[in-house]
Amino acid sequence: MPALRHTVACGELLLIAMLSERGREITLNDLRRYAGNFLEVLAQERIATVDDLKAKIHSSVRASSLAEEYVVFEIGSSVRGTKAYVLDYAILGVGVPIEGRINTNLDYAEMIVKVQASLVGYEPITPLTVGTDPAGNIRQWKFLQSASVEEVKNELERIRTQY
């Protein structure tokens, strides 16, 4: 399926996705599908390096023709006053079930997911009251060893095939 471009401003799209979070349960099968769609968008948009990602900042691409699902590319705040490149899988009415963050200043990446099950290798975001959404999906994160798009893509592939 070819990626479809979206014209809504990225910040506005993310805000709408988060504010419209109605509390839908996200199953492992849902998360696998989102990861597969995410990988398809990265391939279709030819995003293989941080430089490729930089060229996409402040844009979004429709990730599914079946739902209001988008991959959004932004810059966000990170630790120690640094910035991170943010790749969000945003779904209107659901929120952001998958987020990749790449911090080139501190040479690391991380993956943040929300799903009904605990994933091996992921840590719940605490405190627990902030670690779940209205549907009880567990917000959890995993540290990735290097600040590369390849590392994020490898983790998306693990989500798609191993969980």
C-alpha atoms as a PDB file:
ATOM      1  CA  MET A   1       0.000   0.000   0.000  1.00  0.00           C
ATOM      2  CA  PRO A   2       1.569   3.342  -0.949  1.00  0.00           C
ATOM      3  CA  ALA A   3       1.955   5.868   1.823  1.00  0.00           C
ATOM      4  CA  LEU A   4      -0.433   8.790   1.556  1.00  0.00           C
ATOM      5  CA  ARG A   5       0.712  12.292   2.455  1.00  0.00           C
ATOM      6  CA  HIS A   6      -1.270  14.174   5.090  1.00  0.00           C
ATOM      7  CA  THR A   7      -1.680  17.943   5.124  1.00  0.00           C
ATOM      8  CA  VAL A   8      -2.560  18.646   8.768  1.00  0.00           C
ATOM      9  CA  ALA A   9       0.317  20.213  10.691  1.00  0.00           C
ATOM     10  CA  CYS A  10       2.188  17.520  12.605  1.00  0.00           C
ATOM     11  CA  GLY A  11       1.927  19.174  16.002  1.00  0.00           C
ATOM     12  CA  GLU A  12      -1.792  19.582  15.471  1.00  0.00           C
ATOM     13  CA  LEU A  13      -2.120  15.936  14.411  1.00  0.00           C
ATOM     14  CA  LEU A  14      -0.319  14.678  17.513  1.00  0.00           C
ATOM     15  CA  LEU A  15      -2.377  16.925  19.758  1.00  0.00           C
ATOM     16  CA  ILE A  16      -5.605  15.668  18.173  1.00  0.00           C
ATOM     17  CA  ALA A  17      -4.445  12.028  18.513  1.00  0.00           C
ATOM     18  CA  MET A  18      -3.576  12.458  22.183  1.00  0.00           C
ATOM     19  CA  LEU A  19      -6.611  14.518  23.162  1.00  0.00           C
ATOM     20  CA  SER A  20      -8.986  12.181  21.365  1.00  0.00           C
ATOM     21  CA  GLU A  21      -7.593   9.121  23.176  1.00  0.00           C
ATOM     22  CA  ARG A  22     -10.803   7.307  24.046  1.00  0.00           C
ATOM     23  CA  GLY A  23      -9.284   4.368  25.817  1.00  0.00           C
ATOM     24  CA  ARG A  24      -9.257   1.556  23.272  1.00  0.00           C
ATOM     25  CA  GLU A  25      -7.418  -1.573  24.331  1.00  0.00           C
ATOM     26  CA  ILE A  26      -4.334  -2.242  22.209  1.00  0.00           C
ATOM     27  CA  THR A  27      -3.625  -5.956  21.799  1.00  0.00           C
ATOM     28  CA  LEU A  28      -0.322  -7.542  20.812  1.00  0.00           C
ATOM     29  CA  ASN A  29      -1.832  -8.234  17.379  1.00  0.00           C
ATOM     30  CA  ASP A  30      -2.694  -4.533  17.041  1.00  0.00           C
ATOM     31  CA  LEU A  31       0.842  -3.557  18.067  1.00  0.00           C
ATOM     32  CA  ARG A  32       2.341  -6.011  15.546  1.00  0.00           C
ATOM     33  CA  ARG A  33       0.212  -4.536  12.762  1.00  0.00           C
ATOM     34  CA  TYR A  34       1.182  -0.974  13.720  1.00  0.00           C
ATOM     35  CA  ALA A  35       4.878  -1.943  13.728  1.00  0.00           C
ATOM     36  CA  GLY A  36       4.500  -3.494  10.255  1.00  0.00           C
ATOM     37  CA  ASN A  37       2.770  -0.378   8.925  1.00  0.00           C
ATOM     38  CA  PHE A  38       5.450   1.787  10.542  1.00  0.00           C
ATOM     39  CA  LEU A  39       8.198  -0.208   8.774  1.00  0.00           C
ATOM     40  CA  GLU A  40       6.364   0.079   5.442  1.00  0.00           C
ATOM     41  CA  VAL A  41       6.226   3.867   5.756  1.00  0.00           C
ATOM     42  CA  LEU A  42       9.927   4.086   6.630  1.00  0.00           C
ATOM     43  CA  ALA A  43      10.773   1.942   3.597  1.00  0.00           C
ATOM     44  CA  GLN A  44       8.472   3.831   1.215  1.00  0.00           C
ATOM     45  CA  GLU A  45       9.801   7.170   2.413  1.00  0.00           C
ATOM     46  CA  ARG A  46      13.383   5.859   2.102  1.00  0.00           C
ATOM     47  CA  ILE A  47      14.294   6.691   5.684  1.00  0.00           C
ATOM     48  CA  ALA A  48      17.441   4.737   6.472  1.00  0.00           C
ATOM     49  CA  THR A  49      19.651   7.275   8.259  1.00  0.00           C
ATOM     50  CA  VAL A  50      19.315  10.185  10.660  1.00  0.00           C
ATOM     51  CA  ASP A  51      19.992  12.533   7.719  1.00  0.00           C
ATOM     52  CA  ASP A  52      16.999  11.013   5.874  1.00  0.00           C
ATOM     53  CA  LEU A  53      14.944  11.536   9.022  1.00  0.00           C
ATOM     54  CA  LYS A  54      16.038  15.176   9.342  1.00  0.00           C
ATOM     55  CA  ALA A  55      14.573  15.856   5.898  1.00  0.00           C
ATOM     56  CA  LYS A  56      11.146  14.603   7.093  1.00  0.00           C
ATOM     57  CA  ILE A  57      10.911  16.596  10.339  1.00  0.00           C
ATOM     58  CA  HIS A  58       7.570  18.405  10.741  1.00  0.00           C
ATOM     59  CA  SER A  59       5.801  16.080   8.310  1.00  0.00           C
ATOM     60  CA  SER A  60       3.466  13.105   8.516  1.00  0.00           C
ATOM     61  CA  VAL A  61       2.559  10.207   6.251  1.00  0.00           C
ATOM     62  CA  ARG A  62      -0.658   8.229   6.342  1.00  0.00           C
ATOM     63  CA  ALA A  63       0.188   4.696   7.450  1.00  0.00           C
ATOM     64  CA  SER A  64      -3.074   2.885   6.767  1.00  0.00           C
ATOM     65  CA  SER A  65      -5.918   3.322   4.326  1.00  0.00           C
ATOM     66  CA  LEU A  66      -8.270   1.638   6.812  1.00  0.00           C
ATOM     67  CA  ALA A  67      -7.968   4.072   9.713  1.00  0.00           C
ATOM     68  CA  GLU A  68      -6.701   7.497  10.697  1.00  0.00           C
ATOM     69  CA  GLU A  69      -3.193   6.182  11.308  1.00  0.00           C
ATOM     70  CA  TYR A  70      -0.085   8.275  10.583  1.00  0.00           C
ATOM     71  CA  VAL A  71       3.655   8.212  11.060  1.00  0.00           C
ATOM     72  CA  VAL A  72       4.657  11.654  12.325  1.00  0.00           C
ATOM     73  CA  PHE A  73       8.222  12.999  12.270  1.00  0.00           C
ATOM     74  CA  GLU A  74       9.106  15.691  14.829  1.00  0.00           C
ATOM     75  CA  ILE A  75      11.813  16.992  17.134  1.00  0.00           C
ATOM     76  CA  GLY A  76      11.115  16.781  20.853  1.00  0.00           C
ATOM     77  CA  SER A  77      12.825  17.567  24.111  1.00  0.00           C
ATOM     78  CA  SER A  78      15.017  14.924  25.686  1.00  0.00           C
ATOM     79  CA  VAL A  79      17.252  14.505  28.732  1.00  0.00           C
ATOM     80  CA  ARG A  80      19.953  16.950  29.834  1.00  0.00           C
ATOM     81  CA  GLY A  81      18.537  19.779  27.725  1.00  0.00           C
ATOM     82  CA  THR A  82      19.067  17.915  24.449  1.00  0.00           C
ATOM     83  CA  LYS A  83      16.675  17.249  21.579  1.00  0.00           C
ATOM     84  CA  ALA A  84      15.599  13.950  20.044  1.00  0.00           C
ATOM     85  CA  TYR A  85      14.203  13.043  16.647  1.00  0.00           C
ATOM     86  CA  VAL A  86      10.753  11.603  17.289  1.00  0.00           C
ATOM     87  CA  LEU A  87       8.958   9.081  15.083  1.00  0.00           C
ATOM     88  CA  ASP A  88       5.366   8.587  16.268  1.00  0.00           C
ATOM     89  CA  TYR A  89       2.743   6.125  15.096  1.00  0.00           C
ATOM     90  CA  ALA A  90      -0.305   8.291  15.846  1.00  0.00           C
ATOM     91  CA  ILE A  91      -3.901   7.089  15.626  1.00  0.00           C
ATOM     92  CA  LEU A  92      -6.797   9.484  15.960  1.00  0.00           C
ATOM     93  CA  GLY A  93      -8.986   8.357  18.834  1.00  0.00           C
ATOM     94  CA  VAL A  94      -6.311   6.019  20.214  1.00  0.00           C
ATOM     95  CA  GLY A  95      -3.181   8.120  20.721  1.00  0.00           C
ATOM     96  CA  VAL A  96       0.426   7.071  20.090  1.00  0.00           C
ATOM     97  CA  PRO A  97       0.919   3.312  20.569  1.00  0.00           C
ATOM     98  CA  ILE A  98       4.518   3.333  19.236  1.00  0.00           C
ATOM     99  CA  GLU A  99       7.151   6.041  19.502  1.00  0.00           C
ATOM    100  CA  GLY A 100      10.789   5.898  18.501  1.00  0.00           C
ATOM    101  CA  ARG A 101      13.173   8.567  19.816  1.00  0.00           C
ATOM    102  CA  ILE A 102      16.718   9.106  18.539  1.00  0.00           C
ATOM    103  CA  ASN A 103      19.063  11.349  20.509  1.00  0.00           C
ATOM    104  CA  THR A 104      22.229  11.926  18.464  1.00  0.00           C
ATOM    105  CA  ASN A 105      23.723  14.243  21.089  1.00  0.00           C
ATOM    106  CA  LEU A 106      23.840  11.465  23.694  1.00  0.00           C
ATOM    107  CA  ASP A 107      24.116   8.606  21.138  1.00  0.00           C
ATOM    108  CA  TYR A 108      21.108   6.499  22.060  1.00  0.00           C
ATOM    109  CA  ALA A 109      17.606   5.681  20.916  1.00  0.00           C
ATOM    110  CA  GLU A 110      14.568   4.379  22.740  1.00  0.00           C
ATOM    111  CA  MET A 111      11.267   2.785  21.865  1.00  0.00           C
ATOM    112  CA  ILE A 112       8.084   3.572  23.787  1.00  0.00           C
ATOM    113  CA  VAL A 113       4.970   1.432  23.337  1.00  0.00           C
ATOM    114  CA  LYS A 114       1.570   1.085  24.912  1.00  0.00           C
ATOM    115  CA  VAL A 115      -0.178  -2.263  24.827  1.00  0.00           C
ATOM    116  CA  GLN A 116      -2.243  -4.521  27.108  1.00  0.00           C
ATOM    117  CA  ALA A 117       0.672  -6.913  27.773  1.00  0.00           C
ATOM    118  CA  SER A 118       4.106  -6.419  29.296  1.00  0.00           C
ATOM    119  CA  LEU A 119       6.819  -6.880  26.670  1.00  0.00           C
ATOM    120  CA  VAL A 120      10.040  -8.741  27.489  1.00  0.00           C
ATOM    121  CA  GLY A 121      12.944  -6.295  27.582  1.00  0.00           C
ATOM    122  CA  TYR A 122      10.672  -3.279  28.177  1.00  0.00           C
ATOM    123  CA  GLU A 123      10.275  -1.400  31.443  1.00  0.00           C
ATOM    124  CA  PRO A 124       6.949   0.075  32.569  1.00  0.00           C
ATOM    125  CA  ILE A 125       6.886   3.843  32.689  1.00  0.00           C
ATOM    126  CA  THR A 126       6.396   4.830  36.327  1.00  0.00           C
ATOM    127  CA  PRO A 127       4.689   5.870  38.432  1.00  0.00           C
ATOM    128  CA  LEU A 128       2.059   3.310  37.551  1.00  0.00           C
ATOM    129  CA  THR A 129      -0.712   5.932  37.590  1.00  0.00           C
ATOM    130  CA  VAL A 130       1.009   7.605  34.612  1.00  0.00           C
ATOM    131  CA  GLY A 131       2.098   4.233  33.201  1.00  0.00           C
ATOM    132  CA  THR A 132      -1.324   3.280  31.895  1.00  0.00           C
ATOM    133  CA  ASP A 133      -3.849   4.961  29.630  1.00  0.00           C
ATOM    134  CA  PRO A 134      -7.662   5.081  30.124  1.00  0.00           C
ATOM    135  CA  ALA A 135      -8.041   1.542  28.677  1.00  0.00           C
ATOM    136  CA  GLY A 136      -5.356   0.056  30.902  1.00  0.00           C
ATOM    137  CA  ASN A 137      -2.708  -0.189  28.167  1.00  0.00           C
ATOM    138  CA  ILE A 138       0.729  -0.301  29.779  1.00  0.00           C
ATOM    139  CA  ARG A 139       3.118   2.450  28.728  1.00  0.00           C
ATOM    140  CA  GLN A 140       6.592   0.932  28.586  1.00  0.00           C
ATOM    141  CA  TRP A 141       9.985   1.765  27.140  1.00  0.00           C
ATOM    142  CA  LYS A 142      13.193   0.115  25.979  1.00  0.00           C
ATOM    143  CA  PHE A 143      16.676   1.624  25.711  1.00  0.00           C
ATOM    144  CA  LEU A 144      18.336   1.011  22.325  1.00  0.00           C
ATOM    145  CA  GLN A 145      22.118   0.970  22.090  1.00  0.00           C
ATOM    146  CA  SER A 146      22.780   3.470  19.309  1.00  0.00           C
ATOM    147  CA  ALA A 147      21.313   6.642  17.857  1.00  0.00           C
ATOM    148  CA  SER A 148      20.378   5.185  14.495  1.00  0.00           C
ATOM    149  CA  VAL A 149      17.286   4.738  12.372  1.00  0.00           C
ATOM    150  CA  GLU A 150      18.463   1.164  11.771  1.00  0.00           C
ATOM    151  CA  GLU A 151      18.256   0.439  15.517  1.00  0.00           C
ATOM    152  CA  VAL A 152      14.656   1.747  15.603  1.00  0.00           C
ATOM    153  CA  LYS A 153      13.745  -0.286  12.507  1.00  0.00           C
ATOM    154  CA  ASN A 154      15.273  -3.426  14.048  1.00  0.00           C
ATOM    155  CA  GLU A 155      13.156  -2.942  17.169  1.00  0.00           C
ATOM    156  CA  LEU A 156      10.022  -2.399  15.080  1.00  0.00           C
ATOM    157  CA  GLU A 157      10.794  -5.669  13.290  1.00  0.00           C
ATOM    158  CA  ARG A 158      11.189  -7.430  16.670  1.00  0.00           C
ATOM    159  CA  ILE A 159       7.805  -6.046  17.749  1.00  0.00           C
ATOM    160  CA  ARG A 160       6.262  -7.216  14.486  1.00  0.00           C
ATOM    161  CA  THR A 161       7.663 -10.743  14.611  1.00  0.00           C
ATOM    162  CA  GLN A 162       8.680 -11.733  18.152  1.00  0.00           C
ATOM    163  CA  TYR A 163       6.015 -10.490  20.559  1.00  0.00           C
END
